[in-house]
């Protein structure tokens, strides 16, 4: 800051900032959340749902367990069923027709139910497949959390940390240090400011910083009515925590444990059941679930190594159109023949090896490197293949272009062809075809199997959740 800034204005601005922070600290102290003493251990369940319990017992922070606990609670109430078929397969089975209770479900429970219904085939979905689907998970979770918070507030259990008068006081008070900072910085001479006037930058920077602090500290806190409710549920948690078997129970055990398992999940005491119900988690890039062929099964997906360099990408000898692989293989063969091969040609005679053998070695090295991809490309060009299957993964990866000013984009598709392969390899495909497909589509594609390229495709049966498709992420 320039030396000509007058000290009184600087001191006044600094004092105003300090005073505002003291006011903020006073507000924080006034709205602090007091510790809540757990009630006596009890097995009696209150009227609050597991999602509400998850929220209020975690001091207004909703965890991933809330969605899984909600699904367990729907099963405990008979709205749907969870069945364990085998050690690696459990199913969520909807009733033949939606029961009347569905129409009266709270929004957050309806979000979970509708997600299961969207994924289900013949009213059945594998529990591991609950992470599948093309929903915008961030938006879905935002709606779920907003609905849970809305019910907690409607029930009088939680309220905003800052009341409207407190928010008005903090926001209005922030303009005082902002104005004084503007006055302090305005003491800079016009000559020193030149064309860049720092006054607005300092002033607005101060206001924005204070607004960000207020926003960061905004939240919710329990009401006087909510504290005894939270204490009672903490007592339920203490009771459930005394049974270590709960943590090892599968989701299907809800038929035996009933709603207690759902509340144990909400309270962080049913780890195995929660892990098996990934309702609020993104789909795993390397593990997909498919119902192609009529039975749900898991498929492992393997991706080619990412190509981060433009040169490596140019010379890539797999997952490209066969014609490109053909020319790339020829180019690589020539490079190997001219450089490393030429070196062998001059070095081997020095060890007494005849020049004829040295030339053969030069040619052999070039063929060894370029021959396999060249052969694969020729086979693919000569024998085009058509495959039917279900798209289980669509992903993209980036690579650096030669200019290093932008990134190129590779597109990948993993297809389950119904042969029950435990592992499938993702193939490359053109961007225009990628944009027409969605995970879950049943397709007929033209595949260059040896070079790992899908050159054409036709959607035979659109995905059940196709309308909800969003841009898929890059594989981890």
Protein backbone atom coordinates (compact mmCIF):
# COMPACT_ATOMS: atom_id res chain seq x y z
CA UNK A 1 0.00 0.00 0.00
CA UNK A 2 1.49 3.46 -0.92
CA UNK A 3 3.20 5.48 1.74
CA UNK A 4 0.93 8.55 1.30
CA UNK A 5 -2.04 6.73 2.86
CA UNK A 6 -2.94 8.73 5.93
CA UNK A 7 -2.55 6.84 9.19
CA UNK A 8 -5.88 7.84 10.80
CA UNK A 9 -7.88 6.37 7.91
CA UNK A 10 -5.85 3.17 7.96
CA UNK A 11 -6.31 2.84 11.72
CA UNK A 12 -10.03 3.49 11.40
CA UNK A 13 -10.38 0.87 8.66
CA UNK A 14 -8.39 -1.70 10.64
CA UNK A 15 -10.40 -0.95 13.76
CA UNK A 16 -13.68 -1.40 11.87
CA UNK A 17 -12.54 -4.77 10.53
CA UNK A 18 -11.53 -5.90 14.02
CA UNK A 19 -14.84 -4.66 15.45
CA UNK A 20 -16.76 -6.61 12.80
CA UNK A 21 -14.86 -9.79 13.65
CA UNK A 22 -15.57 -9.24 17.35
CA UNK A 23 -19.26 -8.93 16.48
CA UNK A 24 -19.00 -12.14 14.47
CA UNK A 25 -17.34 -13.96 17.40
CA UNK A 26 -20.09 -12.76 19.69
CA UNK A 27 -22.69 -14.12 17.26
CA UNK A 28 -20.84 -17.43 17.04
CA UNK A 29 -20.76 -17.70 20.82
CA UNK A 30 -24.43 -16.77 21.03
CA UNK A 31 -25.46 -19.41 18.47
CA UNK A 32 -23.04 -22.14 19.48
CA UNK A 33 -24.42 -25.67 19.68
CA UNK A 34 -24.21 -26.92 23.26
CA UNK A 35 -23.18 -30.48 23.94
CA UNK A 36 -26.15 -32.80 24.28
CA UNK A 37 -26.00 -35.51 26.91
CA UNK A 38 -27.24 -38.86 25.57
CA UNK A 39 -30.37 -40.20 27.13
CA UNK A 40 -30.51 -43.60 28.84
CA UNK A 41 -29.87 -46.59 26.52
CA UNK A 42 -33.18 -47.78 25.07
CA UNK A 43 -34.53 -49.87 22.22
CA UNK A 44 -37.62 -47.68 21.86
CA UNK A 45 -37.72 -45.97 18.45
CA UNK A 46 -39.16 -42.52 18.03
CA UNK A 47 -41.34 -41.28 15.14
CA UNK A 48 -38.42 -39.70 13.24
CA UNK A 49 -37.24 -41.48 10.10
CA UNK A 50 -33.69 -42.89 9.80
CA UNK A 51 -32.66 -40.03 7.50
CA UNK A 52 -33.83 -37.46 10.05
CA UNK A 53 -32.01 -39.36 12.80
CA UNK A 54 -28.84 -39.40 10.72
CA UNK A 55 -29.09 -35.64 10.27
CA UNK A 56 -29.94 -34.56 13.81
CA UNK A 57 -27.47 -36.84 15.59
CA UNK A 58 -24.62 -35.64 13.38
CA UNK A 59 -25.12 -31.97 14.28
CA UNK A 60 -26.82 -31.06 11.03
CA UNK A 61 -24.50 -32.97 8.68
CA UNK A 62 -26.12 -35.59 6.47
CA UNK A 63 -23.94 -38.63 5.76
CA UNK A 64 -24.00 -41.12 2.90
CA UNK A 65 -25.55 -43.64 5.27
CA UNK A 66 -28.82 -41.68 5.22
CA UNK A 67 -29.86 -42.89 1.77
CA UNK A 68 -28.92 -46.51 2.51
CA UNK A 69 -30.75 -46.34 5.84
CA UNK A 70 -33.81 -44.97 4.05
CA UNK A 71 -33.82 -47.93 1.67
CA UNK A 72 -33.50 -50.34 4.61
CA UNK A 73 -36.41 -48.60 6.30
CA UNK A 74 -38.57 -48.94 3.18
CA UNK A 75 -37.81 -52.67 3.28
CA UNK A 76 -38.58 -52.91 6.99
CA UNK A 77 -41.95 -51.26 6.38
CA UNK A 78 -42.79 -53.74 3.59
CA UNK A 79 -42.79 -51.22 0.73
CA UNK A 80 -40.10 -53.31 -0.97
CA UNK A 81 -37.98 -56.37 -0.14
CA UNK A 82 -34.26 -57.06 0.08
CA UNK A 83 -33.29 -60.67 -0.60
CA UNK A 84 -29.91 -62.38 -0.32
CA UNK A 85 -29.57 -64.81 -3.26
CA UNK A 86 -25.97 -65.83 -2.69
CA UNK A 87 -22.66 -64.64 -1.21
CA UNK A 88 -22.13 -62.20 -4.10
CA UNK A 89 -25.69 -61.28 -5.04
CA UNK A 90 -28.54 -59.61 -3.17
CA UNK A 91 -31.62 -58.16 -4.80
CA UNK A 92 -34.00 -55.32 -4.10
CA UNK A 93 -37.43 -56.51 -5.20
CA UNK A 94 -40.31 -54.12 -5.70
CA UNK A 95 -43.86 -55.29 -5.26
CA UNK A 96 -45.83 -56.12 -8.42
CA UNK A 97 -47.59 -52.77 -8.11
CA UNK A 98 -46.58 -49.70 -6.14
CA UNK A 99 -48.31 -49.91 -2.75
CA UNK A 100 -50.56 -47.02 -1.67
CA UNK A 101 -47.92 -45.90 0.84
CA UNK A 102 -45.67 -44.75 -2.01
CA UNK A 103 -47.96 -41.83 -2.78
CA UNK A 104 -47.53 -40.45 0.75
CA UNK A 105 -43.76 -40.93 1.11
CA UNK A 106 -41.73 -37.84 2.05
CA UNK A 107 -39.73 -36.43 -0.85
CA UNK A 108 -36.40 -37.88 0.28
CA UNK A 109 -37.87 -41.39 0.63
CA UNK A 110 -39.57 -40.99 -2.74
CA UNK A 111 -36.22 -40.06 -4.30
CA UNK A 112 -34.74 -43.35 -3.07
CA UNK A 113 -37.77 -45.38 -4.15
CA UNK A 114 -37.90 -43.79 -7.60
CA UNK A 115 -34.17 -44.44 -8.12
CA UNK A 116 -34.66 -48.12 -7.34
CA UNK A 117 -37.70 -48.27 -9.62
CA UNK A 118 -35.76 -46.64 -12.45
CA UNK A 119 -32.96 -49.20 -12.23
CA UNK A 120 -35.17 -52.25 -11.74
CA UNK A 121 -35.81 -54.71 -14.50
CA UNK A 122 -38.99 -56.71 -14.01
CA UNK A 123 -39.23 -54.92 -10.64
CA UNK A 124 -35.86 -56.33 -9.48
CA UNK A 125 -32.41 -54.73 -9.18
CA UNK A 126 -29.16 -56.04 -7.69
CA UNK A 127 -28.09 -54.16 -4.57
CA UNK A 128 -24.64 -53.56 -6.06
CA UNK A 129 -26.27 -51.92 -9.08
CA UNK A 130 -27.82 -49.17 -6.98
CA UNK A 131 -24.89 -46.92 -7.86
CA UNK A 132 -25.66 -47.35 -11.57
CA UNK A 133 -27.77 -44.96 -13.57
CA UNK A 134 -27.11 -41.73 -15.34
CA UNK A 135 -28.57 -39.36 -12.74
CA UNK A 136 -26.79 -36.17 -11.75
CA UNK A 137 -25.71 -37.47 -8.36
CA UNK A 138 -24.82 -33.99 -7.08
CA UNK A 139 -28.29 -32.66 -7.88
CA UNK A 140 -29.94 -35.82 -6.55
CA UNK A 141 -28.07 -35.51 -3.25
CA UNK A 142 -28.86 -31.78 -3.03
CA UNK A 143 -32.58 -32.54 -3.35
CA UNK A 144 -32.34 -35.39 -0.84
CA UNK A 145 -30.53 -33.23 1.71
CA UNK A 146 -32.88 -30.28 1.20
CA UNK A 147 -35.91 -32.51 1.75
CA UNK A 148 -34.43 -34.00 4.94
CA UNK A 149 -33.54 -30.55 6.28
CA UNK A 150 -37.02 -29.28 5.40
CA UNK A 151 -38.68 -32.04 7.39
CA UNK A 152 -36.32 -31.54 10.35
CA UNK A 153 -37.22 -27.85 10.41
CA UNK A 154 -40.94 -28.53 9.91
CA UNK A 155 -40.83 -30.87 12.89
CA UNK A 156 -39.27 -28.10 14.97
CA UNK A 157 -36.05 -30.06 15.57
CA UNK A 158 -33.61 -27.74 13.78
CA UNK A 159 -33.49 -24.09 12.82
CA UNK A 160 -31.04 -21.85 10.89
CA UNK A 161 -27.98 -20.87 12.88
CA UNK A 162 -28.42 -17.19 12.05
CA UNK A 163 -31.83 -15.62 12.58
CA UNK A 164 -32.99 -12.96 10.11
CA UNK A 165 -32.13 -10.08 12.48
CA UNK A 166 -28.67 -11.55 13.09
CA UNK A 167 -28.06 -11.96 9.37
CA UNK A 168 -29.20 -8.39 8.76
CA UNK A 169 -26.94 -7.08 11.52
CA UNK A 170 -23.84 -8.94 10.27
CA UNK A 171 -24.48 -8.00 6.64
CA UNK A 172 -25.19 -4.34 7.40
CA UNK A 173 -22.21 -4.06 9.74
CA UNK A 174 -19.94 -5.36 6.96
CA UNK A 175 -20.54 -2.18 4.95
CA UNK A 176 -18.85 -0.05 7.63
CA UNK A 177 -15.34 -1.57 7.30
CA UNK A 178 -15.89 -1.75 3.54
CA UNK A 179 -16.51 2.00 3.35
CA UNK A 180 -13.54 2.79 5.62
CA UNK A 181 -11.24 0.59 3.53
CA UNK A 182 -12.39 2.52 0.47
CA UNK A 183 -11.65 5.83 2.23
CA UNK A 184 -8.22 4.60 3.36
CA UNK A 185 -7.18 3.45 -0.09
CA UNK A 186 -8.57 6.63 -1.69
CA UNK A 187 -5.70 8.57 -0.09
CA UNK A 188 -3.40 7.22 -2.80
CA UNK A 189 -2.45 10.02 -5.17
CA UNK A 190 -3.77 9.94 -8.70
CA UNK A 191 -0.21 9.77 -10.04
CA UNK A 192 0.59 6.66 -8.05
CA UNK A 193 -2.74 5.02 -8.90
CA UNK A 194 -2.28 5.63 -12.59
CA UNK A 195 -4.97 3.92 -14.62
CA UNK A 196 -5.47 1.15 -12.03
CA UNK A 197 -7.58 2.39 -9.13
CA UNK A 198 -7.13 -0.05 -6.18
CA UNK A 199 -9.93 1.46 -4.09
CA UNK A 200 -12.73 -0.65 -5.56
CA UNK A 201 -10.63 -3.80 -5.48
CA UNK A 202 -9.78 -3.39 -1.79
CA UNK A 203 -13.31 -2.38 -0.83
CA UNK A 204 -15.13 -5.10 -2.73
CA UNK A 205 -12.51 -7.63 -1.68
CA UNK A 206 -13.26 -6.78 1.95
CA UNK A 207 -17.02 -7.06 1.43
CA UNK A 208 -16.76 -10.34 -0.48
CA UNK A 209 -14.44 -11.85 2.15
CA UNK A 210 -16.84 -10.97 4.96
CA UNK A 211 -19.79 -12.33 3.01
CA UNK A 212 -17.90 -15.56 2.38
CA UNK A 213 -17.16 -15.92 6.10
CA UNK A 214 -20.83 -15.41 6.96
CA UNK A 215 -21.87 -17.96 4.34
CA UNK A 216 -19.28 -20.44 5.53
CA UNK A 217 -20.55 -20.28 9.09
CA UNK A 218 -24.19 -20.54 8.12
CA UNK A 219 -25.81 -23.80 9.04
CA UNK A 220 -28.41 -25.23 11.31
CA UNK A 221 -28.64 -25.88 15.02
CA UNK A 222 -31.03 -27.85 17.18
CA UNK A 223 -33.96 -26.09 18.77
CA UNK A 224 -34.99 -26.36 22.41
CA UNK A 225 -37.57 -28.89 21.28
CA UNK A 226 -35.03 -30.82 19.25
CA UNK A 227 -32.42 -31.34 21.98
CA UNK A 228 -34.35 -33.91 24.01
CA UNK A 229 -35.21 -35.73 20.78
CA UNK A 230 -31.52 -35.89 19.87
CA UNK A 231 -30.66 -37.05 23.39
CA UNK A 232 -33.20 -39.86 23.08
CA UNK A 233 -31.76 -41.03 19.76
CA UNK A 234 -28.25 -40.93 21.20
CA UNK A 235 -29.60 -43.28 23.86
CA UNK A 236 -30.87 -45.58 21.10
CA UNK A 237 -27.40 -45.47 19.55
CA UNK A 238 -25.80 -46.49 22.85
CA UNK A 239 -28.23 -49.40 23.11
CA UNK A 240 -27.62 -50.60 19.53
CA UNK A 241 -23.85 -50.20 19.89
CA UNK A 242 -23.90 -52.88 22.59
CA UNK A 243 -24.70 -55.47 19.92
CA UNK A 244 -21.57 -55.85 17.75
CA UNK A 245 -23.36 -58.28 15.44
CA UNK A 246 -25.29 -55.42 13.87
CA UNK A 247 -22.22 -54.18 12.05
CA UNK A 248 -21.85 -57.55 10.29
CA UNK A 249 -25.46 -57.98 9.22
CA UNK A 250 -26.19 -57.96 5.44
CA UNK A 251 -28.89 -55.72 4.07
CA UNK A 252 -31.23 -58.71 3.68
CA UNK A 253 -31.13 -59.16 7.48
CA UNK A 254 -33.67 -56.33 7.67
CA UNK A 255 -36.32 -59.05 7.42
CA UNK A 256 -35.16 -60.24 10.86
CA UNK A 257 -33.99 -57.05 12.54
CA UNK A 258 -36.71 -54.79 11.13
CA UNK A 259 -36.42 -51.04 11.52
CA UNK A 260 -33.68 -51.39 14.14
CA UNK A 261 -31.24 -52.29 11.35
CA UNK A 262 -32.28 -49.19 9.39
CA UNK A 263 -31.69 -46.96 12.41
CA UNK A 264 -28.41 -48.73 13.15
CA UNK A 265 -27.35 -47.83 9.59
CA UNK A 266 -28.35 -44.20 10.13
CA UNK A 267 -26.33 -44.12 13.36
CA UNK A 268 -23.21 -45.60 11.75
CA UNK A 269 -23.57 -49.05 13.34
CA UNK A 270 -24.45 -51.24 10.31
CA UNK A 271 -21.42 -50.97 8.08
CA UNK A 272 -21.91 -54.12 6.01
CA UNK A 273 -25.52 -53.32 5.16
CA UNK A 274 -24.65 -49.73 4.19
CA UNK A 275 -21.74 -50.75 1.94
CA UNK A 276 -23.99 -53.16 0.06
CA UNK A 277 -26.53 -50.41 -0.71
CA UNK A 278 -24.58 -47.69 -2.59
CA UNK A 279 -27.60 -45.47 -3.25
CA UNK A 280 -25.78 -42.16 -2.79
CA UNK A 281 -22.41 -43.16 -4.26
CA UNK A 282 -21.15 -42.69 -7.83
CA UNK A 283 -20.77 -45.76 -10.01
CA UNK A 284 -17.39 -47.49 -9.83
CA UNK A 285 -15.39 -47.05 -13.04
CA UNK A 286 -13.83 -50.49 -12.76
CA UNK A 287 -16.91 -52.41 -11.59
CA UNK A 288 -20.24 -52.35 -13.38
CA UNK A 289 -23.51 -54.20 -12.98
CA UNK A 290 -25.45 -55.53 -15.93
CA UNK A 291 -28.78 -57.30 -16.35
CA UNK A 292 -28.13 -58.24 -19.98
CA UNK A 293 -29.35 -61.78 -20.48
CA UNK A 294 -31.97 -61.53 -17.75
CA UNK A 295 -29.87 -62.03 -14.59
CA UNK A 296 -28.01 -59.35 -12.69
CA UNK A 297 -24.26 -59.91 -12.62
CA UNK A 298 -21.11 -57.90 -11.96
CA UNK A 299 -18.61 -57.06 -14.67
CA UNK A 300 -15.07 -55.79 -14.11
CA UNK A 301 -13.99 -53.14 -16.63
CA UNK A 302 -10.39 -52.69 -17.73
CA UNK A 303 -9.28 -49.54 -19.55
CA UNK A 304 -6.22 -49.15 -21.77
CA UNK A 305 -3.45 -47.13 -20.18
CA UNK A 306 -4.09 -43.37 -20.47
CA UNK A 307 -2.16 -41.61 -23.22
CA UNK A 308 -1.00 -38.30 -21.80
CA UNK A 309 1.50 -37.43 -24.54
CA UNK A 310 0.48 -36.30 -28.01
CA UNK A 311 3.36 -38.26 -29.60
CA UNK A 312 2.43 -41.47 -27.78
CA UNK A 313 -1.18 -40.87 -28.70
CA UNK A 314 -0.24 -40.45 -32.36
CA UNK A 315 1.74 -43.70 -32.38
CA UNK A 316 -0.79 -45.64 -30.33
CA UNK A 317 -1.24 -49.02 -31.92
CA UNK A 318 -4.49 -50.05 -30.21
CA UNK A 319 -7.97 -48.56 -29.64
CA UNK A 320 -7.94 -46.62 -32.87
CA UNK A 321 -9.59 -47.24 -36.27
CA UNK A 322 -7.86 -50.17 -38.05
CA UNK A 323 -6.76 -47.96 -40.94
CA UNK A 324 -5.03 -45.56 -38.54
CA UNK A 325 -3.43 -48.47 -36.69
CA UNK A 326 -2.22 -49.82 -40.04
CA UNK A 327 -0.45 -46.59 -41.01
CA UNK A 328 0.80 -45.99 -37.46
CA UNK A 329 2.31 -49.50 -37.41
CA UNK A 330 4.02 -48.87 -40.74
CA UNK A 331 5.39 -45.58 -39.40
CA UNK A 332 6.67 -47.25 -36.25
CA UNK A 333 8.22 -50.02 -38.32
CA UNK A 334 10.08 -47.52 -40.48
CA UNK A 335 11.30 -45.59 -37.42
CA UNK A 336 12.56 -48.76 -35.73
CA UNK A 337 14.17 -49.98 -38.97
CA UNK A 338 15.99 -46.70 -39.57
CA UNK A 339 17.22 -45.85 -36.07
CA UNK A 340 17.63 -48.76 -33.63
CA UNK A 341 17.86 -51.20 -36.55
CA UNK A 342 20.55 -49.15 -38.25
CA UNK A 343 22.52 -49.11 -35.03
CA UNK A 344 22.36 -52.90 -34.86
CA UNK A 345 23.50 -53.13 -38.45
CA UNK A 346 26.71 -51.26 -37.67
CA UNK A 347 27.36 -52.75 -34.23
CA UNK A 348 26.86 -56.45 -34.96
CA UNK A 349 29.61 -56.68 -37.64
CA UNK A 350 32.00 -55.24 -35.06
CA UNK A 351 31.46 -58.49 -33.09
CA UNK A 352 32.19 -60.67 -36.09
CA UNK A 353 28.58 -61.19 -37.21
CA UNK A 354 28.21 -61.16 -41.01
CA UNK A 355 26.56 -58.10 -42.52
CA UNK A 356 23.81 -60.25 -44.02
CA UNK A 357 22.76 -61.44 -40.57
CA UNK A 358 23.00 -57.88 -39.27
CA UNK A 359 20.58 -56.73 -41.99
CA UNK A 360 18.23 -59.58 -41.12
CA UNK A 361 18.42 -58.57 -37.44
CA UNK A 362 17.59 -55.00 -38.42
CA UNK A 363 14.55 -56.20 -40.35
CA UNK A 364 13.54 -58.66 -37.60
CA UNK A 365 13.53 -55.94 -34.94
CA UNK A 366 11.30 -53.72 -37.10
CA UNK A 367 8.91 -56.60 -37.82
CA UNK A 368 8.84 -57.64 -34.17
CA UNK A 369 7.69 -54.17 -33.14
CA UNK A 370 5.40 -53.27 -36.03
CA UNK A 371 4.25 -56.75 -37.10
CA UNK A 372 1.64 -57.56 -34.40
CA UNK A 373 -0.35 -54.29 -34.68
CA UNK A 374 -0.04 -54.46 -38.46
CA UNK A 375 -1.47 -57.99 -38.44
CA UNK A 376 -4.27 -56.99 -36.07
CA UNK A 377 -5.25 -54.10 -38.33
CA UNK A 378 -5.27 -56.31 -41.44
CA UNK A 379 -7.43 -58.95 -39.70
CA UNK A 380 -9.93 -56.31 -38.55
CA UNK A 381 -10.14 -54.79 -42.01
CA UNK A 382 -10.65 -58.21 -43.58
CA UNK A 383 -13.13 -59.61 -41.06
CA UNK A 384 -15.55 -56.97 -39.71
CA UNK A 385 -17.48 -58.12 -36.63
CA UNK A 386 -20.91 -57.22 -35.26
CA UNK A 387 -21.68 -57.68 -31.56
CA UNK A 388 -24.89 -57.23 -29.56
CA UNK A 389 -24.69 -56.28 -25.91
CA UNK A 390 -25.41 -53.78 -23.17
CA UNK A 391 -23.34 -50.65 -22.63
CA UNK A 392 -22.09 -50.85 -19.05
CA UNK A 393 -19.61 -47.98 -19.01
CA UNK A 394 -19.03 -44.80 -21.03
CA UNK A 395 -15.99 -42.79 -20.01
CA UNK A 396 -13.55 -40.24 -21.41
CA UNK A 397 -9.84 -39.54 -20.87
CA UNK A 398 -7.69 -36.60 -21.90
CA UNK A 399 -4.36 -36.36 -23.67
CA UNK A 400 -2.09 -33.40 -24.35
CA UNK A 401 -2.05 -32.05 -27.90
CA UNK A 402 1.16 -31.08 -29.68
CA UNK A 403 0.49 -27.38 -29.04
CA UNK A 404 -0.05 -28.04 -25.30
CA UNK A 405 -2.73 -25.35 -25.44
CA UNK A 406 -5.63 -27.76 -25.10
CA UNK A 407 -6.36 -31.39 -24.42
CA UNK A 408 -7.64 -33.99 -26.80
CA UNK A 409 -10.32 -36.42 -25.73
CA UNK A 410 -10.46 -40.21 -25.94
CA UNK A 411 -13.84 -41.93 -25.67
CA UNK A 412 -14.30 -45.40 -24.17
CA UNK A 413 -17.15 -47.87 -24.13
CA UNK A 414 -17.35 -51.15 -22.20
CA UNK A 415 -19.85 -53.68 -23.55
CA UNK A 416 -21.36 -56.73 -21.84
CA UNK A 417 -22.10 -59.20 -24.64
CA UNK A 418 -23.95 -61.65 -22.41
CA UNK A 419 -21.21 -64.28 -22.29
CA UNK A 420 -20.79 -63.73 -18.54
CA UNK A 421 -17.19 -62.60 -18.84
CA UNK A 422 -15.94 -61.53 -15.43
CA UNK A 423 -13.80 -58.86 -17.10
CA UNK A 424 -14.32 -56.82 -20.25
CA UNK A 425 -11.97 -54.35 -21.90
CA UNK A 426 -13.21 -50.92 -22.87
CA UNK A 427 -12.96 -50.13 -26.59
CA UNK A 428 -12.34 -46.77 -28.18
CA UNK A 429 -15.08 -45.19 -30.27
CA UNK A 430 -15.63 -41.93 -32.19
CA UNK A 431 -17.03 -38.97 -30.30
CA UNK A 432 -20.18 -38.69 -32.41
CA UNK A 433 -21.11 -42.30 -31.61
CA UNK A 434 -20.25 -41.80 -27.93
CA UNK A 435 -22.66 -38.86 -27.76
CA UNK A 436 -25.53 -41.01 -29.05
CA UNK A 437 -25.13 -43.75 -26.46
CA UNK A 438 -26.06 -44.03 -22.79
CA UNK A 439 -25.09 -46.55 -20.15
CA UNK A 440 -27.71 -49.29 -20.09
CA UNK A 441 -28.45 -49.12 -23.83
CA UNK A 442 -28.73 -52.47 -25.58
CA UNK A 443 -26.83 -51.95 -28.82
CA UNK A 444 -25.55 -53.64 -31.95
CA UNK A 445 -22.07 -52.37 -32.71
CA UNK A 446 -19.52 -52.89 -35.41
CA UNK A 447 -16.30 -53.85 -33.63
CA UNK A 448 -12.71 -54.08 -34.77
CA UNK A 449 -11.92 -56.56 -32.01
CA UNK A 450 -8.18 -56.93 -32.57
CA UNK A 451 -7.49 -53.20 -32.56
CA UNK A 452 -10.09 -52.40 -29.88
CA UNK A 453 -12.27 -49.99 -31.83
CA UNK A 454 -16.02 -49.58 -32.21
CA UNK A 455 -16.71 -47.92 -35.56
CA UNK A 456 -20.51 -48.02 -35.72
CA UNK A 457 -23.49 -48.64 -33.49
CA UNK A 458 -27.25 -48.92 -33.39
CA UNK A 459 -29.40 -48.66 -30.25
CA UNK A 460 -31.71 -51.68 -30.14
CA UNK A 461 -33.26 -50.90 -26.76
CA UNK A 462 -32.79 -47.51 -25.05
CA UNK A 463 -31.61 -47.47 -21.45
CA UNK A 464 -34.29 -47.30 -18.78
CA UNK A 465 -32.66 -44.16 -17.41
CA UNK A 466 -31.56 -42.71 -20.73
CA UNK A 467 -33.48 -39.46 -20.28
CA UNK A 468 -31.47 -38.73 -17.13
CA UNK A 469 -28.08 -39.13 -18.75
CA UNK A 470 -25.37 -36.65 -17.79
CA UNK A 471 -21.76 -36.37 -18.90
CA UNK A 472 -19.89 -39.37 -17.43
CA UNK A 473 -16.62 -38.78 -15.58
CA UNK A 474 -13.17 -39.89 -16.56
CA UNK A 475 -12.11 -43.28 -15.17
CA UNK A 476 -10.05 -43.08 -11.99
